[in-house]
Amino acid sequence: MDPETRTGVPAHIAATSALLVVVLVHLIGQLFVPSSFATQASQVLLMPALAGVLYAATSRPRPLLVKLGLLALFFSWLGDTVPRILSGDAGFLAMVGGFLLAQAVYVIALWPYRSRSIAAKPLLVAPYVAVAIALLSLCVGSAGALAVPITIYAGVIVAMAVLATGLSFTAACGGAVFLLSDSLIALNAFADITLPGHGFWVMVTYVLGQSLLVQAIIRQSEQAQGLPLGRP
């Protein structure tokens, strides 16, 4: 069992509280002042804060699933951060690259649970594939040199979402919401489809999707180690 924080507050509670503060700052910023320093800085802190929750809520020796989850969050952080020092297609490609690595790591993490997933059930996989095809049909024509990277990314994130169904219902929801978040980004970037408060909806689905995946990983880790829920 990992130690508590110096204040006596359990580490997982402290980490969750920190995450909630960062999320609230960022989402409120997205609604009212999306270009402000606080909004931009809080986005860079989202994945480290979520990684802190995953780390604090699991105990040593952490299973491979947890370690891969932390690695996926690291690559997601790169996807959030590196584009801020680049511009244009280079920035977008850096974002796609970071999240492509994150999704690939999630696929590796979820692969052991494939026999419990819908992967071998074509009728259940079909909606995921249909979403990807519809999205690509709207975006690829105007993507130019980015057409190949976004096509590869679409395939990998669909694989992640499908395999997530094998971990738990929570993970399945997380994978689907994550797919929705990335779809909103692609539609805005390549199809000029923008929702009112678009940035807010992108980020709320992004944070929710990642958080659900992390919660599913925590639960699986607890079950594997015979720990009561929520007590590392």
C-alpha atoms as a PDB file:
ATOM      1  CA  MET A   1       0.000   0.000   0.000  1.00  0.00           C
ATOM      2  CA  ASP A   2       1.343   3.393  -0.976  1.00  0.00           C
ATOM      3  CA  PRO A   3       1.833   5.970   1.789  1.00  0.00           C
ATOM      4  CA  GLU A   4      -0.567   8.763   2.516  1.00  0.00           C
ATOM      5  CA  THR A   5       0.286  12.359   1.841  1.00  0.00           C
ATOM      6  CA  ARG A   6       1.997  14.380   4.573  1.00  0.00           C
ATOM      7  CA  THR A   7      -1.287  16.037   5.516  1.00  0.00           C
ATOM      8  CA  GLY A   8      -2.779  12.638   6.343  1.00  0.00           C
ATOM      9  CA  VAL A   9      -5.137  12.779   3.357  1.00  0.00           C
ATOM     10  CA  PRO A  10      -5.038   9.524   1.364  1.00  0.00           C
ATOM     11  CA  ALA A  11      -3.011  10.007  -1.796  1.00  0.00           C
ATOM     12  CA  HIS A  12      -5.799   8.935  -4.134  1.00  0.00           C
ATOM     13  CA  ILE A  13      -8.207  11.485  -2.590  1.00  0.00           C
ATOM     14  CA  ALA A  14      -5.632  14.268  -2.871  1.00  0.00           C
ATOM     15  CA  ALA A  15      -4.901  13.323  -6.487  1.00  0.00           C
ATOM     16  CA  THR A  16      -8.606  13.201  -7.368  1.00  0.00           C
ATOM     17  CA  SER A  17      -9.167  16.603  -5.774  1.00  0.00           C
ATOM     18  CA  ALA A  18      -6.286  18.068  -7.774  1.00  0.00           C
ATOM     19  CA  LEU A  19      -7.721  16.604 -10.974  1.00  0.00           C
ATOM     20  CA  LEU A  20     -11.159  18.073 -10.287  1.00  0.00           C
ATOM     21  CA  VAL A  21      -9.669  21.536  -9.752  1.00  0.00           C
ATOM     22  CA  VAL A  22      -7.695  21.372 -13.007  1.00  0.00           C
ATOM     23  CA  VAL A  23     -10.706  20.065 -14.935  1.00  0.00           C
ATOM     24  CA  LEU A  24     -13.019  22.763 -13.564  1.00  0.00           C
ATOM     25  CA  VAL A  25     -10.536  25.536 -14.342  1.00  0.00           C
ATOM     26  CA  HIS A  26     -10.071  24.254 -17.858  1.00  0.00           C
ATOM     27  CA  LEU A  27     -13.719  23.630 -18.729  1.00  0.00           C
ATOM     28  CA  ILE A  28     -14.861  26.973 -17.313  1.00  0.00           C
ATOM     29  CA  GLY A  29     -12.058  28.584 -19.275  1.00  0.00           C
ATOM     30  CA  GLN A  30     -13.155  26.812 -22.453  1.00  0.00           C
ATOM     31  CA  LEU A  31     -16.628  28.255 -22.022  1.00  0.00           C
ATOM     32  CA  PHE A  32     -15.662  31.852 -21.268  1.00  0.00           C
ATOM     33  CA  VAL A  33     -11.986  32.580 -22.045  1.00  0.00           C
ATOM     34  CA  PRO A  34     -10.630  29.754 -24.230  1.00  0.00           C
ATOM     35  CA  SER A  35      -7.467  31.618 -25.225  1.00  0.00           C
ATOM     36  CA  SER A  36      -6.487  32.702 -21.708  1.00  0.00           C
ATOM     37  CA  PHE A  37      -3.292  31.553 -20.028  1.00  0.00           C
ATOM     38  CA  ALA A  38      -5.247  29.694 -17.321  1.00  0.00           C
ATOM     39  CA  THR A  39      -7.231  27.736 -19.906  1.00  0.00           C
ATOM     40  CA  GLN A  40      -4.184  26.823 -21.959  1.00  0.00           C
ATOM     41  CA  ALA A  41      -2.017  25.982 -18.944  1.00  0.00           C
ATOM     42  CA  SER A  42      -4.722  23.848 -17.350  1.00  0.00           C
ATOM     43  CA  GLN A  43      -4.987  21.761 -20.528  1.00  0.00           C
ATOM     44  CA  VAL A  44      -1.302  20.874 -20.204  1.00  0.00           C
ATOM     45  CA  LEU A  45      -1.960  19.785 -16.605  1.00  0.00           C
ATOM     46  CA  LEU A  46      -4.966  17.557 -17.334  1.00  0.00           C
ATOM     47  CA  MET A  47      -3.162  14.347 -18.203  1.00  0.00           C
ATOM     48  CA  PRO A  48      -0.498  14.652 -15.458  1.00  0.00           C
ATOM     49  CA  ALA A  49      -3.325  15.147 -12.963  1.00  0.00           C
ATOM     50  CA  LEU A  50      -5.178  12.109 -14.303  1.00  0.00           C
ATOM     51  CA  ALA A  51      -1.958  10.084 -14.237  1.00  0.00           C
ATOM     52  CA  GLY A  52      -1.597  11.121 -10.601  1.00  0.00           C
ATOM     53  CA  VAL A  53      -5.035   9.642  -9.893  1.00  0.00           C
ATOM     54  CA  LEU A  54      -4.131   6.375 -11.605  1.00  0.00           C
ATOM     55  CA  TYR A  55      -0.816   6.127  -9.787  1.00  0.00           C
ATOM     56  CA  ALA A  56      -2.225   7.045  -6.376  1.00  0.00           C
ATOM     57  CA  ALA A  57      -5.238   4.733  -6.648  1.00  0.00           C
ATOM     58  CA  THR A  58      -3.146   1.658  -7.431  1.00  0.00           C
ATOM     59  CA  SER A  59      -0.619  -0.144  -5.306  1.00  0.00           C
ATOM     60  CA  ARG A  60       2.774  -1.748  -5.790  1.00  0.00           C
ATOM     61  CA  PRO A  61       3.577  -3.903  -7.611  1.00  0.00           C
ATOM     62  CA  ARG A  62       1.522  -2.146 -10.279  1.00  0.00           C
ATOM     63  CA  PRO A  63       0.354  -4.544 -13.012  1.00  0.00           C
ATOM     64  CA  LEU A  64       1.283  -4.059 -16.642  1.00  0.00           C
ATOM     65  CA  LEU A  65      -2.180  -2.674 -17.394  1.00  0.00           C
ATOM     66  CA  VAL A  66      -1.575   0.224 -15.007  1.00  0.00           C
ATOM     67  CA  LYS A  67       1.915   0.882 -16.341  1.00  0.00           C
ATOM     68  CA  LEU A  68       0.628   0.951 -19.903  1.00  0.00           C
ATOM     69  CA  GLY A  69      -2.216   3.238 -18.822  1.00  0.00           C
ATOM     70  CA  LEU A  70       0.344   5.671 -17.388  1.00  0.00           C
ATOM     71  CA  LEU A  71       2.335   5.488 -20.624  1.00  0.00           C
ATOM     72  CA  ALA A  72      -0.794   6.212 -22.692  1.00  0.00           C
ATOM     73  CA  LEU A  73      -1.476   9.265 -20.536  1.00  0.00           C
ATOM     74  CA  PHE A  74       2.109  10.427 -21.082  1.00  0.00           C
ATOM     75  CA  PHE A  75       1.717  10.254 -24.860  1.00  0.00           C
ATOM     76  CA  SER A  76      -1.651  12.011 -24.532  1.00  0.00           C
ATOM     77  CA  TRP A  77       0.134  14.761 -22.612  1.00  0.00           C
ATOM     78  CA  LEU A  78       2.609  15.063 -25.483  1.00  0.00           C
ATOM     79  CA  GLY A  79      -0.356  15.387 -27.853  1.00  0.00           C
ATOM     80  CA  ASP A  80      -1.710  18.211 -25.705  1.00  0.00           C
ATOM     81  CA  THR A  81       1.617  19.957 -25.228  1.00  0.00           C
ATOM     82  CA  VAL A  82       3.933  19.663 -28.238  1.00  0.00           C
ATOM     83  CA  PRO A  83       1.530  21.410 -30.687  1.00  0.00           C
ATOM     84  CA  ARG A  84       1.795  24.532 -28.526  1.00  0.00           C
ATOM     85  CA  ILE A  85       5.361  25.067 -29.692  1.00  0.00           C
ATOM     86  CA  LEU A  86       4.585  24.294 -33.332  1.00  0.00           C
ATOM     87  CA  SER A  87       2.120  25.750 -35.820  1.00  0.00           C
ATOM     88  CA  GLY A  88       0.043  24.816 -38.839  1.00  0.00           C
ATOM     89  CA  ASP A  89       0.228  21.283 -40.209  1.00  0.00           C
ATOM     90  CA  ALA A  90       3.304  20.542 -38.075  1.00  0.00           C
ATOM     91  CA  GLY A  91       1.366  21.276 -34.904  1.00  0.00           C
ATOM     92  CA  PHE A  92      -1.607  19.208 -35.987  1.00  0.00           C
ATOM     93  CA  LEU A  93       0.645  16.345 -37.041  1.00  0.00           C
ATOM     94  CA  ALA A  94       2.396  16.479 -33.658  1.00  0.00           C
ATOM     95  CA  MET A  95      -0.982  16.242 -31.930  1.00  0.00           C
ATOM     96  CA  VAL A  96      -2.020  13.301 -34.115  1.00  0.00           C
ATOM     97  CA  GLY A  97       1.349  11.628 -33.505  1.00  0.00           C
ATOM     98  CA  GLY A  98       1.116  11.954 -29.743  1.00  0.00           C
ATOM     99  CA  PHE A  99      -2.393  10.596 -29.595  1.00  0.00           C
ATOM    100  CA  LEU A 100      -1.632   7.871 -32.125  1.00  0.00           C
ATOM    101  CA  LEU A 101       1.058   6.595 -29.764  1.00  0.00           C
ATOM    102  CA  ALA A 102      -1.380   6.882 -26.841  1.00  0.00           C
ATOM    103  CA  GLN A 103      -4.039   4.900 -28.683  1.00  0.00           C
ATOM    104  CA  ALA A 104      -1.489   2.272 -29.738  1.00  0.00           C
ATOM    105  CA  VAL A 105      -0.467   1.827 -26.109  1.00  0.00           C
ATOM    106  CA  TYR A 106      -4.125   1.497 -25.075  1.00  0.00           C
ATOM    107  CA  VAL A 107      -4.561  -1.176 -27.779  1.00  0.00           C
ATOM    108  CA  ILE A 108      -1.590  -3.096 -26.354  1.00  0.00           C
ATOM    109  CA  ALA A 109      -2.957  -2.704 -22.812  1.00  0.00           C
ATOM    110  CA  LEU A 110      -6.430  -3.908 -23.796  1.00  0.00           C
ATOM    111  CA  TRP A 111      -5.326  -6.720 -26.095  1.00  0.00           C
ATOM    112  CA  PRO A 112      -5.289  -9.376 -23.314  1.00  0.00           C
ATOM    113  CA  TYR A 113      -9.018  -8.745 -22.821  1.00  0.00           C
ATOM    114  CA  ARG A 114      -9.929  -9.177 -26.506  1.00  0.00           C
ATOM    115  CA  SER A 115     -11.718 -12.479 -25.953  1.00  0.00           C
ATOM    116  CA  ARG A 116     -14.239 -10.647 -23.747  1.00  0.00           C
ATOM    117  CA  SER A 117     -14.659  -7.794 -26.236  1.00  0.00           C
ATOM    118  CA  ILE A 118     -16.969  -7.385 -29.214  1.00  0.00           C
ATOM    119  CA  ALA A 119     -14.009  -7.797 -31.602  1.00  0.00           C
ATOM    120  CA  ALA A 120     -15.271 -11.173 -32.859  1.00  0.00           C
ATOM    121  CA  LYS A 121     -18.861  -9.929 -33.276  1.00  0.00           C
ATOM    122  CA  PRO A 122     -19.117  -8.118 -36.633  1.00  0.00           C
ATOM    123  CA  LEU A 123     -22.609  -6.768 -36.005  1.00  0.00           C
ATOM    124  CA  LEU A 124     -21.438  -5.014 -32.823  1.00  0.00           C
ATOM    125  CA  VAL A 125     -18.202  -3.777 -34.383  1.00  0.00           C
ATOM    126  CA  ALA A 126     -20.045  -2.395 -37.416  1.00  0.00           C
ATOM    127  CA  PRO A 127     -21.214   0.858 -35.746  1.00  0.00           C
ATOM    128  CA  TYR A 128     -17.635   1.736 -34.802  1.00  0.00           C
ATOM    129  CA  VAL A 129     -16.424   1.061 -38.344  1.00  0.00           C
ATOM    130  CA  ALA A 130     -19.357   3.003 -39.794  1.00  0.00           C
ATOM    131  CA  VAL A 131     -18.494   6.039 -37.676  1.00  0.00           C
ATOM    132  CA  ALA A 132     -14.872   5.889 -38.827  1.00  0.00           C
ATOM    133  CA  ILE A 133     -15.841   5.550 -42.500  1.00  0.00           C
ATOM    134  CA  ALA A 134     -18.350   8.397 -42.282  1.00  0.00           C
ATOM    135  CA  LEU A 135     -15.799  10.599 -40.528  1.00  0.00           C
ATOM    136  CA  LEU A 136     -13.075   9.856 -43.067  1.00  0.00           C
ATOM    137  CA  SER A 137     -15.456  10.470 -45.973  1.00  0.00           C
ATOM    138  CA  LEU A 138     -16.084  13.961 -44.608  1.00  0.00           C
ATOM    139  CA  CYS A 139     -12.473  14.767 -43.752  1.00  0.00           C
ATOM    140  CA  VAL A 140      -9.997  13.029 -46.045  1.00  0.00           C
ATOM    141  CA  GLY A 141     -10.828  15.087 -49.142  1.00  0.00           C
ATOM    142  CA  SER A 142      -9.616  18.299 -47.515  1.00  0.00           C
ATOM    143  CA  ALA A 143      -6.889  16.779 -45.340  1.00  0.00           C
ATOM    144  CA  GLY A 144      -4.184  16.939 -47.998  1.00  0.00           C
ATOM    145  CA  ALA A 145      -0.887  15.514 -46.756  1.00  0.00           C
ATOM    146  CA  LEU A 146      -2.549  14.643 -43.438  1.00  0.00           C
ATOM    147  CA  ALA A 147      -4.981  12.199 -45.067  1.00  0.00           C
ATOM    148  CA  VAL A 148      -2.789   9.147 -44.447  1.00  0.00           C
ATOM    149  CA  PRO A 149      -1.976   9.957 -40.795  1.00  0.00           C
ATOM    150  CA  ILE A 150      -5.609  10.614 -39.898  1.00  0.00           C
ATOM    151  CA  THR A 151      -6.721   7.426 -41.679  1.00  0.00           C
ATOM    152  CA  ILE A 152      -4.208   5.403 -39.674  1.00  0.00           C
ATOM    153  CA  TYR A 153      -5.282   7.191 -36.509  1.00  0.00           C
ATOM    154  CA  ALA A 154      -8.942   6.448 -37.204  1.00  0.00           C
ATOM    155  CA  GLY A 155      -8.158   2.747 -37.519  1.00  0.00           C
ATOM    156  CA  VAL A 156      -6.175   2.660 -34.287  1.00  0.00           C
ATOM    157  CA  ILE A 157      -8.712   4.552 -32.192  1.00  0.00           C
ATOM    158  CA  VAL A 158     -11.519   2.313 -33.475  1.00  0.00           C
ATOM    159  CA  ALA A 159      -9.410  -0.696 -32.465  1.00  0.00           C
ATOM    160  CA  MET A 160      -8.947   0.843 -29.010  1.00  0.00           C
ATOM    161  CA  ALA A 161     -12.655   1.529 -28.599  1.00  0.00           C
ATOM    162  CA  VAL A 162     -13.582  -1.995 -29.690  1.00  0.00           C
ATOM    163  CA  LEU A 163     -11.017  -3.672 -27.427  1.00  0.00           C
ATOM    164  CA  ALA A 164     -12.089  -1.473 -24.498  1.00  0.00           C
ATOM    165  CA  THR A 165     -15.393  -3.353 -24.463  1.00  0.00           C
ATOM    166  CA  GLY A 166     -13.469  -6.385 -23.213  1.00  0.00           C
ATOM    167  CA  LEU A 167     -12.205  -4.665 -20.080  1.00  0.00           C
ATOM    168  CA  SER A 168     -15.508  -3.431 -18.668  1.00  0.00           C
ATOM    169  CA  PHE A 169     -18.628  -1.426 -19.448  1.00  0.00           C
ATOM    170  CA  THR A 170     -16.882   1.631 -17.995  1.00  0.00           C
ATOM    171  CA  ALA A 171     -13.950   1.159 -20.380  1.00  0.00           C
ATOM    172  CA  ALA A 172     -16.329   0.642 -23.306  1.00  0.00           C
ATOM    173  CA  CYS A 173     -17.989   3.970 -22.516  1.00  0.00           C
ATOM    174  CA  GLY A 174     -14.593   5.616 -22.193  1.00  0.00           C
ATOM    175  CA  GLY A 175     -13.441   4.311 -25.549  1.00  0.00           C
ATOM    176  CA  ALA A 176     -16.632   5.448 -27.271  1.00  0.00           C
ATOM    177  CA  VAL A 177     -16.504   8.919 -25.715  1.00  0.00           C
ATOM    178  CA  PHE A 178     -12.825   9.267 -26.620  1.00  0.00           C
ATOM    179  CA  LEU A 179     -13.737   8.370 -30.223  1.00  0.00           C
ATOM    180  CA  LEU A 180     -16.430  11.074 -30.126  1.00  0.00           C
ATOM    181  CA  SER A 181     -13.955  13.668 -28.878  1.00  0.00           C
ATOM    182  CA  ASP A 182     -11.488  12.966 -31.677  1.00  0.00           C
ATOM    183  CA  SER A 183     -14.323  12.976 -34.206  1.00  0.00           C
ATOM    184  CA  LEU A 184     -15.264  16.493 -33.116  1.00  0.00           C
ATOM    185  CA  ILE A 185     -11.670  17.631 -33.615  1.00  0.00           C
ATOM    186  CA  ALA A 186     -11.508  16.122 -37.109  1.00  0.00           C
ATOM    187  CA  LEU A 187     -14.864  17.554 -38.165  1.00  0.00           C
ATOM    188  CA  ASN A 188     -13.821  21.019 -37.060  1.00  0.00           C
ATOM    189  CA  ALA A 189     -10.368  20.810 -38.661  1.00  0.00           C
ATOM    190  CA  PHE A 190     -11.291  19.277 -42.011  1.00  0.00           C
ATOM    191  CA  ALA A 191     -15.058  19.551 -42.577  1.00  0.00           C
ATOM    192  CA  ASP A 192     -15.726  23.008 -41.108  1.00  0.00           C
ATOM    193  CA  ILE A 193     -18.338  21.503 -38.777  1.00  0.00           C
ATOM    194  CA  THR A 194     -18.265  23.397 -35.515  1.00  0.00           C
ATOM    195  CA  LEU A 195     -20.607  23.135 -32.550  1.00  0.00           C
ATOM    196  CA  PRO A 196     -21.478  26.119 -30.362  1.00  0.00           C
ATOM    197  CA  GLY A 197     -18.815  26.070 -27.662  1.00  0.00           C
ATOM    198  CA  HIS A 198     -16.899  23.544 -29.745  1.00  0.00           C
ATOM    199  CA  GLY A 199     -13.729  23.610 -27.636  1.00  0.00           C
ATOM    200  CA  PHE A 200     -15.722  22.893 -24.499  1.00  0.00           C
ATOM    201  CA  TRP A 201     -17.373  19.814 -26.019  1.00  0.00           C
ATOM    202  CA  VAL A 202     -14.070  18.523 -27.370  1.00  0.00           C
ATOM    203  CA  MET A 203     -12.415  18.837 -23.985  1.00  0.00           C
ATOM    204  CA  VAL A 204     -15.289  17.568 -21.843  1.00  0.00           C
ATOM    205  CA  THR A 205     -15.537  14.404 -23.965  1.00  0.00           C
ATOM    206  CA  TYR A 206     -11.739  14.059 -23.980  1.00  0.00           C
ATOM    207  CA  VAL A 207     -11.458  14.297 -20.200  1.00  0.00           C
ATOM    208  CA  LEU A 208     -14.493  12.077 -19.657  1.00  0.00           C
ATOM    209  CA  GLY A 209     -13.248   9.416 -22.075  1.00  0.00           C
ATOM    210  CA  GLN A 210      -9.776   9.296 -20.550  1.00  0.00           C
ATOM    211  CA  SER A 211     -11.166   9.347 -17.011  1.00  0.00           C
ATOM    212  CA  LEU A 212     -13.493   6.429 -17.704  1.00  0.00           C
ATOM    213  CA  LEU A 213     -10.620   4.407 -19.161  1.00  0.00           C
ATOM    214  CA  VAL A 214      -8.486   5.204 -16.108  1.00  0.00           C
ATOM    215  CA  GLN A 215     -11.308   4.261 -13.741  1.00  0.00           C
ATOM    216  CA  ALA A 216     -11.717   0.944 -15.557  1.00  0.00           C
ATOM    217  CA  ILE A 217      -7.989   0.281 -15.253  1.00  0.00           C
ATOM    218  CA  ILE A 218      -8.113   1.061 -11.535  1.00  0.00           C
ATOM    219  CA  ARG A 219     -11.034  -1.314 -11.007  1.00  0.00           C
ATOM    220  CA  GLN A 220      -9.334  -4.079 -12.952  1.00  0.00           C
ATOM    221  CA  SER A 221      -6.167  -3.590 -10.908  1.00  0.00           C
ATOM    222  CA  GLU A 222      -8.139  -3.778  -7.659  1.00  0.00           C
ATOM    223  CA  GLN A 223      -9.898  -6.953  -8.765  1.00  0.00           C
ATOM    224  CA  ALA A 224      -6.627  -8.549  -9.827  1.00  0.00           C
ATOM    225  CA  GLN A 225      -5.015  -7.732  -6.475  1.00  0.00           C
ATOM    226  CA  GLY A 226      -8.059  -8.542  -4.362  1.00  0.00           C
ATOM    227  CA  LEU A 227      -8.381  -4.989  -3.033  1.00  0.00           C
ATOM    228  CA  PRO A 228     -11.673  -3.343  -2.027  1.00  0.00           C
ATOM    229  CA  LEU A 229     -12.864  -0.734  -4.518  1.00  0.00           C
ATOM    230  CA  GLY A 230     -11.297   2.683  -4.064  1.00  0.00           C
ATOM    231  CA  ARG A 231      -8.749   1.623  -1.432  1.00  0.00           C
ATOM    232  CA  PRO A 232      -5.247   1.111  -2.783  1.00  0.00           C
END
